[in-house]
N, C-alpha and C. Protein backbone atom coordinates (compact mmCIF):
# COMPACT_ATOMS: atom_id res chain seq x y z
N MET A 1 -14.98 36.51 14.15
CA MET A 1 -15.19 35.28 15.00
C MET A 1 -15.98 34.18 14.33
N SER A 2 -14.53 33.56 14.08
CA SER A 2 -14.35 32.33 12.83
C SER A 2 -14.19 31.98 13.86
N ASN A 3 -14.40 29.60 13.52
CA ASN A 3 -13.86 29.32 14.86
C ASN A 3 -13.20 28.83 14.14
N PRO A 4 -11.99 28.00 14.70
CA PRO A 4 -10.55 27.62 14.38
C PRO A 4 -10.50 26.21 13.47
N ILE A 5 -9.62 26.29 12.96
CA ILE A 5 -10.12 25.54 11.85
C ILE A 5 -9.08 23.47 12.79
N ASP A 6 -10.14 23.02 12.21
CA ASP A 6 -9.40 21.53 12.86
C ASP A 6 -8.91 20.75 11.75
N THR A 7 -7.48 21.27 11.93
CA THR A 7 -6.48 20.75 11.44
C THR A 7 -6.13 18.93 10.91
N LYS A 8 -7.33 18.24 12.18
CA LYS A 8 -6.74 17.13 11.57
C LYS A 8 -7.56 16.21 11.00
N ILE A 9 -8.68 16.97 10.95
CA ILE A 9 -9.93 16.56 10.15
C ILE A 9 -9.59 16.81 8.60
N ILE A 10 -8.70 18.16 8.48
CA ILE A 10 -8.40 18.40 7.37
C ILE A 10 -7.13 17.63 6.53
N ASN A 11 -6.19 17.20 7.30
CA ASN A 11 -5.51 16.61 7.24
C ASN A 11 -5.89 14.88 6.93
N LYS A 12 -6.53 14.29 7.47
CA LYS A 12 -7.19 13.26 7.28
C LYS A 12 -8.07 12.92 6.60
N LEU A 13 -8.57 14.08 5.88
CA LEU A 13 -9.19 13.95 4.59
C LEU A 13 -8.81 14.14 3.45
N ALA A 14 -7.70 15.17 3.72
CA ALA A 14 -6.56 14.94 2.88
C ALA A 14 -6.05 13.35 2.47
N GLU A 15 -5.59 13.53 3.15
CA GLU A 15 -5.26 11.71 3.61
C GLU A 15 -5.85 10.87 1.97
N ILE A 16 -7.22 11.06 2.83
CA ILE A 16 -8.36 10.05 1.88
C ILE A 16 -8.85 9.86 0.70
N LEU A 17 -8.99 11.89 0.28
CA LEU A 17 -8.56 12.51 -0.91
C LEU A 17 -6.80 11.16 -2.04
N ASP A 18 -6.43 11.99 -1.38
CA ASP A 18 -4.33 10.74 -1.66
C ASP A 18 -4.90 9.41 -2.29
N ARG A 19 -5.10 9.02 -0.60
CA ARG A 19 -5.18 7.37 -0.53
C ARG A 19 -6.54 6.45 -1.65
N ASN A 20 -7.52 7.66 -2.58
CA ASN A 20 -8.21 6.96 -2.77
C ASN A 20 -8.20 8.02 -4.51
N GLN A 21 -7.42 8.47 -4.81
CA GLN A 21 -7.10 9.48 -6.15
C GLN A 21 -8.23 9.84 -6.39
N LEU A 22 -9.28 10.86 -5.22
CA LEU A 22 -10.49 12.04 -5.47
C LEU A 22 -9.92 12.79 -5.82
N THR A 23 -10.29 13.50 -6.80
CA THR A 23 -10.76 15.10 -7.53
C THR A 23 -11.02 15.78 -6.64
N THR A 24 -12.12 15.76 -5.34
CA THR A 24 -13.02 16.43 -4.59
C THR A 24 -13.69 15.81 -3.50
N LEU A 25 -13.76 16.15 -2.09
CA LEU A 25 -13.89 15.58 -1.39
C LEU A 25 -14.25 17.40 -0.58
N LYS A 26 -15.74 16.37 -0.13
CA LYS A 26 -16.55 17.68 1.56
C LYS A 26 -16.89 16.40 2.32
N TYR A 27 -16.90 17.54 3.29
CA TYR A 27 -16.90 16.79 4.56
C TYR A 27 -18.01 18.45 5.27
N GLU A 28 -19.24 17.45 5.80
CA GLU A 28 -19.84 18.56 6.49
C GLU A 28 -20.36 17.98 8.04
N ASP A 29 -20.06 19.00 9.29
CA ASP A 29 -20.20 18.72 10.62
C ASP A 29 -20.76 19.57 11.20
N GLU A 30 -21.02 19.95 11.88
CA GLU A 30 -21.77 20.33 13.54
C GLU A 30 -21.02 21.72 12.91
N SER A 31 -20.22 21.94 13.10
CA SER A 31 -18.93 23.07 13.40
C SER A 31 -18.42 23.37 12.87
N CYS A 32 -18.43 22.92 10.81
CA CYS A 32 -17.93 23.55 10.16
C CYS A 32 -18.26 22.70 8.30
N LYS A 33 -18.33 23.22 7.48
CA LYS A 33 -17.81 22.48 6.11
C LYS A 33 -16.30 22.87 5.59
N ILE A 34 -16.25 21.63 5.16
CA ILE A 34 -14.52 21.45 4.33
C ILE A 34 -15.20 21.24 3.11
N SER A 35 -14.64 21.65 1.88
CA SER A 35 -14.47 21.23 0.51
C SER A 35 -12.42 21.25 0.35
N LEU A 36 -12.53 19.71 -0.43
CA LEU A 36 -10.99 19.72 -0.44
C LEU A 36 -10.74 19.33 -2.39
N THR A 37 -9.72 19.88 -3.15
CA THR A 37 -9.43 19.62 -4.37
C THR A 37 -8.21 19.12 -4.44
N ARG A 38 -8.34 18.31 -5.29
CA ARG A 38 -6.78 18.23 -6.27
C ARG A 38 -6.62 19.18 -7.43
N GLU A 39 -5.50 20.00 -7.35
CA GLU A 39 -5.33 19.97 -8.64
C GLU A 39 -3.15 19.86 -9.01
N GLY A 40 -3.41 19.26 -10.31
CA GLY A 40 -2.23 18.59 -10.37
C GLY A 40 -1.63 17.60 -9.71
N GLY A 41 -2.45 16.62 -9.57
CA GLY A 41 -1.60 15.77 -8.72
C GLY A 41 -1.20 16.25 -7.01
N THR A 42 -1.93 17.00 -6.57
CA THR A 42 -1.06 17.58 -4.57
C THR A 42 -3.38 18.27 -4.68
N PRO A 43 -2.90 17.48 -3.24
CA PRO A 43 -3.91 18.19 -2.96
C PRO A 43 -3.84 19.34 -2.35
N VAL A 44 -4.89 19.94 -2.17
CA VAL A 44 -4.93 21.72 -1.90
C VAL A 44 -6.27 21.42 -0.85
N TYR A 45 -5.80 22.64 -0.09
CA TYR A 45 -7.48 23.35 0.47
C TYR A 45 -8.46 23.91 -0.19
N GLY A 46 -9.96 23.98 -0.43
CA GLY A 46 -10.73 24.41 -1.21
C GLY A 46 -10.95 25.15 -0.56
N SER A 47 -11.96 24.99 0.60
CA SER A 47 -12.82 26.00 1.64
C SER A 47 -13.07 25.42 2.11
N TYR A 48 -13.58 26.48 3.43
CA TYR A 48 -13.93 25.54 4.65
C TYR A 48 -14.55 26.87 5.63
N VAL A 49 -16.14 26.40 5.69
CA VAL A 49 -17.50 27.47 6.38
C VAL A 49 -17.58 27.11 7.00
N PRO A 50 -17.49 27.79 8.06
CA PRO A 50 -17.73 26.92 9.60
C PRO A 50 -19.65 27.53 9.96
N VAL A 51 -20.46 26.22 10.35
CA VAL A 51 -21.85 26.91 9.68
C VAL A 51 -22.54 28.11 10.85
N SER A 52 -22.10 28.24 11.86
CA SER A 52 -22.08 29.51 12.31
C SER A 52 -22.69 30.58 11.10
N ALA A 53 -21.78 30.98 10.03
CA ALA A 53 -21.78 31.73 9.37
C ALA A 53 -22.39 31.60 7.54
N PRO A 54 -23.01 32.26 7.06
CA PRO A 54 -23.83 31.84 5.80
C PRO A 54 -22.90 30.90 5.17
N ALA A 55 -23.60 29.92 4.36
CA ALA A 55 -23.16 28.87 3.94
C ALA A 55 -23.35 28.71 2.43
N VAL A 56 -22.62 30.08 2.08
CA VAL A 56 -21.54 29.92 0.67
C VAL A 56 -20.30 29.84 0.79
N ILE A 57 -20.44 28.81 -0.34
CA ILE A 57 -18.50 28.80 -0.93
C ILE A 57 -18.86 29.35 -2.42
N PRO A 58 -18.21 30.66 -2.29
CA PRO A 58 -17.37 31.09 -3.17
C PRO A 58 -16.67 30.21 -4.63
N ASN A 59 -17.13 30.71 -6.05
CA ASN A 59 -16.97 30.23 -6.78
C ASN A 59 -15.19 30.09 -7.24
N GLN A 60 -14.84 30.45 -6.91
CA GLN A 60 -13.18 30.86 -6.49
C GLN A 60 -12.69 30.78 -5.35
N PRO A 61 -13.01 29.07 -4.34
CA PRO A 61 -12.75 29.55 -3.15
C PRO A 61 -10.30 29.94 -3.46
N THR A 62 -10.51 30.26 -2.02
CA THR A 62 -9.27 30.54 -1.77
C THR A 62 -8.61 29.48 -1.57
N VAL A 63 -7.22 29.28 -2.12
CA VAL A 63 -6.63 27.99 -1.95
C VAL A 63 -5.24 27.64 -1.58
N GLN A 64 -4.96 26.95 0.09
CA GLN A 64 -3.77 26.82 0.10
C GLN A 64 -2.97 26.18 -0.08
N ASN A 65 -1.77 24.90 -0.08
CA ASN A 65 -1.76 24.00 -0.25
C ASN A 65 -1.37 23.63 1.24
N ILE A 66 -1.65 21.90 2.00
CA ILE A 66 -1.63 21.16 2.99
C ILE A 66 -0.90 20.24 3.21
N THR A 67 0.25 20.66 3.81
CA THR A 67 1.55 19.50 4.56
C THR A 67 1.31 19.83 5.55
N ALA A 68 0.79 18.47 5.91
CA ALA A 68 1.20 17.34 6.73
C ALA A 68 2.95 17.53 7.84
N PRO A 69 3.15 17.24 8.93
CA PRO A 69 4.90 17.06 9.14
C PRO A 69 4.70 15.47 9.02
N LYS A 70 6.10 15.36 8.33
CA LYS A 70 6.47 13.50 7.65
C LYS A 70 6.66 12.85 9.08
N GLU A 71 5.92 11.78 9.16
CA GLU A 71 6.75 11.51 10.80
C GLU A 71 6.57 9.79 10.61
N GLU A 72 7.83 9.61 11.05
CA GLU A 72 8.05 7.94 10.84
C GLU A 72 7.54 6.80 10.87
N PRO A 73 6.97 5.64 10.17
CA PRO A 73 5.67 4.85 9.98
C PRO A 73 6.58 4.23 11.08
N THR A 74 5.14 4.07 11.93
CA THR A 74 5.55 3.52 13.35
C THR A 74 5.58 1.42 12.38
N GLN A 75 5.24 0.63 13.60
CA GLN A 75 5.09 -0.73 13.78
C GLN A 75 4.07 -1.22 12.64
N SER A 76 2.46 -0.68 13.40
CA SER A 76 1.24 -1.17 12.88
C SER A 76 1.33 -0.07 11.53
N GLU A 77 2.02 0.93 11.37
CA GLU A 77 1.23 1.83 10.01
C GLU A 77 2.38 0.71 8.48
N ASN A 78 2.83 -0.26 9.08
CA ASN A 78 3.64 -1.08 8.21
C ASN A 78 2.88 -2.49 7.37
N VAL A 79 1.48 -2.57 8.77
CA VAL A 79 1.03 -3.95 8.03
C VAL A 79 -0.47 -3.06 7.53
N ASP A 80 -0.43 -4.71 6.82
CA ASP A 80 -2.17 -4.42 6.03
C ASP A 80 -3.46 -4.63 6.45
N TYR A 81 -3.79 -3.85 7.07
CA TYR A 81 -5.10 -3.75 7.79
C TYR A 81 -5.96 -4.21 6.81
N ALA A 82 -6.28 -3.15 5.55
CA ALA A 82 -7.51 -4.18 4.53
C ALA A 82 -7.96 -5.52 4.46
N ASN A 83 -7.16 -5.90 4.57
CA ASN A 83 -6.71 -6.53 3.39
C ASN A 83 -6.76 -8.04 5.28
N SER A 84 -7.01 -7.14 5.78
CA SER A 84 -7.08 -8.91 7.45
C SER A 84 -8.58 -9.56 7.47
N PRO A 85 -8.19 -10.35 7.76
CA PRO A 85 -9.43 -10.79 7.76
C PRO A 85 -10.34 -10.74 10.09
N ASN A 86 -8.93 -10.12 10.00
CA ASN A 86 -9.56 -9.54 11.13
C ASN A 86 -10.03 -8.21 11.71
N ALA A 87 -10.03 -7.56 10.93
CA ALA A 87 -10.66 -6.04 10.72
C ALA A 87 -12.01 -6.26 10.91
N VAL A 88 -12.38 -4.96 11.41
CA VAL A 88 -13.67 -4.35 11.31
C VAL A 88 -13.91 -3.40 10.90
N LYS A 89 -14.29 -4.19 9.56
CA LYS A 89 -14.13 -2.33 8.23
C LYS A 89 -15.48 -1.47 8.88
N SER A 90 -15.27 -0.27 7.81
CA SER A 90 -17.01 0.46 8.13
C SER A 90 -17.16 -0.07 6.87
N PRO A 91 -18.81 0.12 7.03
CA PRO A 91 -19.56 -0.35 5.98
C PRO A 91 -20.35 1.04 5.13
N MET A 92 -19.53 1.86 5.76
CA MET A 92 -19.93 3.14 5.83
C MET A 92 -19.43 4.13 5.21
N VAL A 93 -19.60 5.39 4.76
CA VAL A 93 -18.55 6.46 4.61
C VAL A 93 -19.32 7.32 5.64
N GLY A 94 -18.61 8.02 7.01
CA GLY A 94 -19.23 8.83 7.25
C GLY A 94 -17.91 9.37 8.72
N VAL A 95 -18.60 9.56 9.64
CA VAL A 95 -17.72 10.24 11.25
C VAL A 95 -18.15 8.70 12.15
N VAL A 96 -16.62 8.77 12.48
CA VAL A 96 -16.97 6.96 13.78
C VAL A 96 -16.81 7.53 15.43
N TYR A 97 -17.43 6.97 15.98
CA TYR A 97 -17.88 7.04 17.08
C TYR A 97 -17.76 5.93 18.40
N LEU A 98 -16.90 6.42 19.15
CA LEU A 98 -16.25 5.39 20.07
C LEU A 98 -16.35 4.86 21.22
N ALA A 99 -17.98 5.82 21.73
CA ALA A 99 -18.36 5.80 22.63
C ALA A 99 -19.96 6.05 21.84
N SER A 100 -20.98 6.02 23.02
CA SER A 100 -22.33 6.44 22.58
C SER A 100 -22.51 8.05 22.67
N ASN A 101 -21.34 8.72 23.67
CA ASN A 101 -21.57 10.06 24.06
C ASN A 101 -20.17 10.78 24.40
N PRO A 102 -20.02 12.16 23.92
CA PRO A 102 -18.66 12.14 24.80
C PRO A 102 -17.70 11.90 26.45
N ASN A 103 -19.14 12.26 27.30
CA ASN A 103 -19.59 11.00 28.30
C ASN A 103 -18.61 9.91 28.97
N ALA A 104 -19.87 9.29 28.38
CA ALA A 104 -19.76 7.92 28.09
C ALA A 104 -18.50 7.43 28.07
N PRO A 105 -18.54 5.87 28.44
CA PRO A 105 -17.23 5.25 28.09
C PRO A 105 -17.07 4.45 26.77
N ALA A 106 -15.79 4.38 25.89
CA ALA A 106 -16.09 3.75 25.18
C ALA A 106 -16.74 2.44 24.42
N TYR A 107 -17.51 2.17 24.10
CA TYR A 107 -18.07 0.52 22.88
C TYR A 107 -16.76 -0.51 23.46
N VAL A 108 -15.78 -0.32 23.12
CA VAL A 108 -13.86 -1.11 23.21
C VAL A 108 -12.94 -0.58 23.36
N SER A 109 -12.06 -0.82 23.74
CA SER A 109 -10.73 -0.41 24.74
C SER A 109 -9.82 -1.86 23.97
N GLU A 110 -8.36 -1.07 23.39
CA GLU A 110 -7.63 -2.48 23.71
C GLU A 110 -7.50 -3.48 24.42
N GLY A 111 -7.21 -4.81 23.89
CA GLY A 111 -7.29 -5.28 25.63
C GLY A 111 -8.37 -6.05 26.01
N ASP A 112 -9.81 -5.35 25.00
CA ASP A 112 -10.81 -5.95 25.66
C ASP A 112 -11.52 -7.38 25.01
N THR A 113 -11.96 -8.19 25.68
CA THR A 113 -12.49 -9.17 25.10
C THR A 113 -14.48 -8.97 24.11
N VAL A 114 -14.52 -9.03 23.19
CA VAL A 114 -15.58 -8.69 22.40
C VAL A 114 -16.59 -10.02 21.64
N ASN A 115 -17.85 -10.00 22.09
CA ASN A 115 -18.73 -11.47 21.84
C ASN A 115 -18.87 -11.10 19.96
N VAL A 116 -19.33 -12.28 19.01
CA VAL A 116 -20.22 -11.95 17.75
C VAL A 116 -21.20 -10.87 18.12
N GLY A 117 -21.46 -10.10 17.71
CA GLY A 117 -22.42 -8.13 17.30
C GLY A 117 -22.57 -8.17 18.78
N ASP A 118 -21.19 -7.67 18.90
CA ASP A 118 -21.33 -6.59 20.56
C ASP A 118 -20.74 -4.77 19.85
N THR A 119 -21.54 -4.37 19.80
CA THR A 119 -21.51 -3.06 19.16
C THR A 119 -19.58 -2.50 19.94
N VAL A 120 -18.79 -1.88 18.10
CA VAL A 120 -17.78 -1.89 18.86
C VAL A 120 -17.82 -0.63 18.47
N CYS A 121 -18.64 0.10 17.66
CA CYS A 121 -18.35 1.41 17.49
C CYS A 121 -19.55 1.71 17.01
N LEU A 122 -19.94 3.24 16.27
CA LEU A 122 -20.89 4.08 16.05
C LEU A 122 -20.17 4.72 14.81
N ILE A 123 -21.00 4.72 13.37
CA ILE A 123 -20.51 5.94 12.28
C ILE A 123 -22.50 6.85 12.10
N GLU A 124 -21.72 7.80 11.48
CA GLU A 124 -22.54 9.01 12.23
C GLU A 124 -22.26 9.32 10.10
N ALA A 125 -23.30 8.80 9.70
CA ALA A 125 -23.85 9.80 8.25
C ALA A 125 -25.03 10.47 8.25
N MET A 126 -25.05 11.34 7.58
CA MET A 126 -26.39 12.25 7.37
C MET A 126 -27.02 12.08 8.89
N LYS A 127 -26.29 12.14 10.20
CA LYS A 127 -27.36 12.70 10.85
C LYS A 127 -28.32 11.59 11.95
N THR A 128 -27.18 10.18 11.30
CA THR A 128 -27.87 9.16 11.78
C THR A 128 -26.91 8.13 12.36
N TYR A 129 -26.18 8.02 13.59
CA TYR A 129 -25.70 7.22 13.89
C TYR A 129 -25.91 5.45 13.98
N ASN A 130 -25.19 5.00 13.03
CA ASN A 130 -24.92 3.32 12.88
C ASN A 130 -24.58 2.98 13.59
N PRO A 131 -24.86 1.75 14.58
CA PRO A 131 -23.73 1.02 15.27
C PRO A 131 -22.77 -0.45 14.37
N VAL A 132 -21.57 -0.15 14.44
CA VAL A 132 -21.33 -1.44 14.08
C VAL A 132 -20.68 -2.54 14.87
N LYS A 133 -21.32 -3.63 14.47
CA LYS A 133 -20.67 -4.95 15.25
C LYS A 133 -19.60 -5.63 14.65
N ALA A 134 -18.98 -5.88 15.75
CA ALA A 134 -17.99 -7.09 15.50
C ALA A 134 -18.28 -8.56 15.32
N HIS A 135 -17.50 -8.69 13.74
CA HIS A 135 -17.99 -10.00 13.05
C HIS A 135 -17.32 -11.38 13.43
N LYS A 136 -16.76 -11.33 15.08
CA LYS A 136 -16.40 -12.60 15.51
C LYS A 136 -15.56 -11.72 16.84
N SER A 137 -15.55 -13.30 17.72
CA SER A 137 -15.16 -12.67 19.13
C SER A 137 -13.61 -13.70 19.26
N GLY A 138 -13.55 -12.11 19.74
CA GLY A 138 -11.96 -12.03 20.42
C GLY A 138 -11.52 -11.07 20.54
N ARG A 139 -10.32 -11.25 20.85
CA ARG A 139 -9.58 -9.79 21.66
C ARG A 139 -9.54 -8.91 20.79
N VAL A 140 -9.85 -7.62 21.14
CA VAL A 140 -9.66 -6.49 20.55
C VAL A 140 -8.40 -5.90 20.91
N THR A 141 -7.62 -6.01 19.78
CA THR A 141 -5.46 -5.40 20.28
C THR A 141 -5.40 -4.25 18.62
N LYS A 142 -6.63 -4.18 18.42
CA LYS A 142 -5.53 -2.46 17.77
C LYS A 142 -7.25 -1.75 17.47
N ILE A 143 -7.02 -0.25 17.94
CA ILE A 143 -8.40 0.51 17.46
C ILE A 143 -7.42 1.57 16.34
N LEU A 144 -8.64 1.34 15.28
CA LEU A 144 -7.48 2.09 14.13
C LEU A 144 -7.35 3.62 13.89
N VAL A 145 -8.78 4.21 14.64
CA VAL A 145 -9.59 5.28 14.26
C VAL A 145 -9.30 6.46 15.15
N GLU A 146 -9.57 6.86 15.45
CA GLU A 146 -9.85 8.27 17.07
C GLU A 146 -11.38 8.64 16.74
N ALA A 147 -12.34 9.07 18.06
CA ALA A 147 -13.59 9.13 17.82
C ALA A 147 -12.92 10.67 17.39
N GLY A 148 -14.37 11.20 16.02
CA GLY A 148 -14.93 12.52 15.63
C GLY A 148 -13.51 12.18 13.85
N ASP A 149 -13.69 11.61 13.62
CA ASP A 149 -12.50 10.92 12.42
C ASP A 149 -13.54 10.40 11.55
N PRO A 150 -12.82 11.10 10.06
CA PRO A 150 -13.89 10.74 9.13
C PRO A 150 -12.89 9.17 8.22
N VAL A 151 -14.31 8.71 7.73
CA VAL A 151 -13.72 7.34 7.98
C VAL A 151 -14.50 6.45 5.77
N GLU A 152 -14.20 6.02 5.27
CA GLU A 152 -14.49 5.87 4.18
C GLU A 152 -15.61 3.73 4.16
N TYR A 153 -16.16 3.66 3.31
CA TYR A 153 -16.38 2.44 3.21
C TYR A 153 -15.73 1.47 3.44
N GLY A 154 -15.07 0.49 4.24
CA GLY A 154 -14.52 -0.39 3.65
C GLY A 154 -13.26 -0.72 4.29
N GLU A 155 -12.78 1.16 4.73
CA GLU A 155 -11.46 1.19 6.06
C GLU A 155 -11.59 0.36 7.40
N PRO A 156 -10.70 -0.10 7.25
CA PRO A 156 -9.68 -1.03 8.52
C PRO A 156 -10.54 0.11 9.87
N LEU A 157 -11.41 -0.38 10.96
CA LEU A 157 -11.59 -0.27 12.17
C LEU A 157 -10.64 -0.14 13.49
N ILE A 158 -11.33 -1.73 13.64
CA ILE A 158 -11.16 -1.69 15.04
C ILE A 158 -9.87 -3.96 14.48
N ILE A 159 -9.10 -4.47 14.82
CA ILE A 159 -9.07 -5.42 15.34
C ILE A 159 -8.72 -6.35 16.13
N ILE A 160 -10.02 -7.36 16.15
CA ILE A 160 -9.73 -8.44 16.60
C ILE A 160 -9.14 -9.80 16.30
N GLU A 161 -8.95 -9.73 17.27
CA GLU A 161 -7.80 -11.34 17.05
C GLU A 161 -8.56 -12.11 18.54
């Protein structure tokens, strides 16, 4: 009676681990706890514990290699959004939400016009939902994240031009 593993979250965490050259990364939400550890330069799956199960992480976790299918980079992946003055960046580490709840419309969509101070998304950190505001007025040209994605401090979320 285990919960299915959300490989999208694991793959995103592995990318964060690799991109930031971390040795360990832990993630927890309502349904699971995930711990990733890098050994020999390659991120590996450390442990996965469904929250409904006892929250015991073994001393010697079962380790499997994580491999994501290699996709051709799109044109948007070639753009350096991290240094763009048009990027709304994450003010903290957490999980991004594009709407106030799953049944609500997204705060913004590509093509929408926003004003300085408009809420464009939420970052959930330690069970607290923090609004992320537009730093400038303009048109939303690109949403770089999906609801439920884990994000790092300073990671670009949305592009406003």
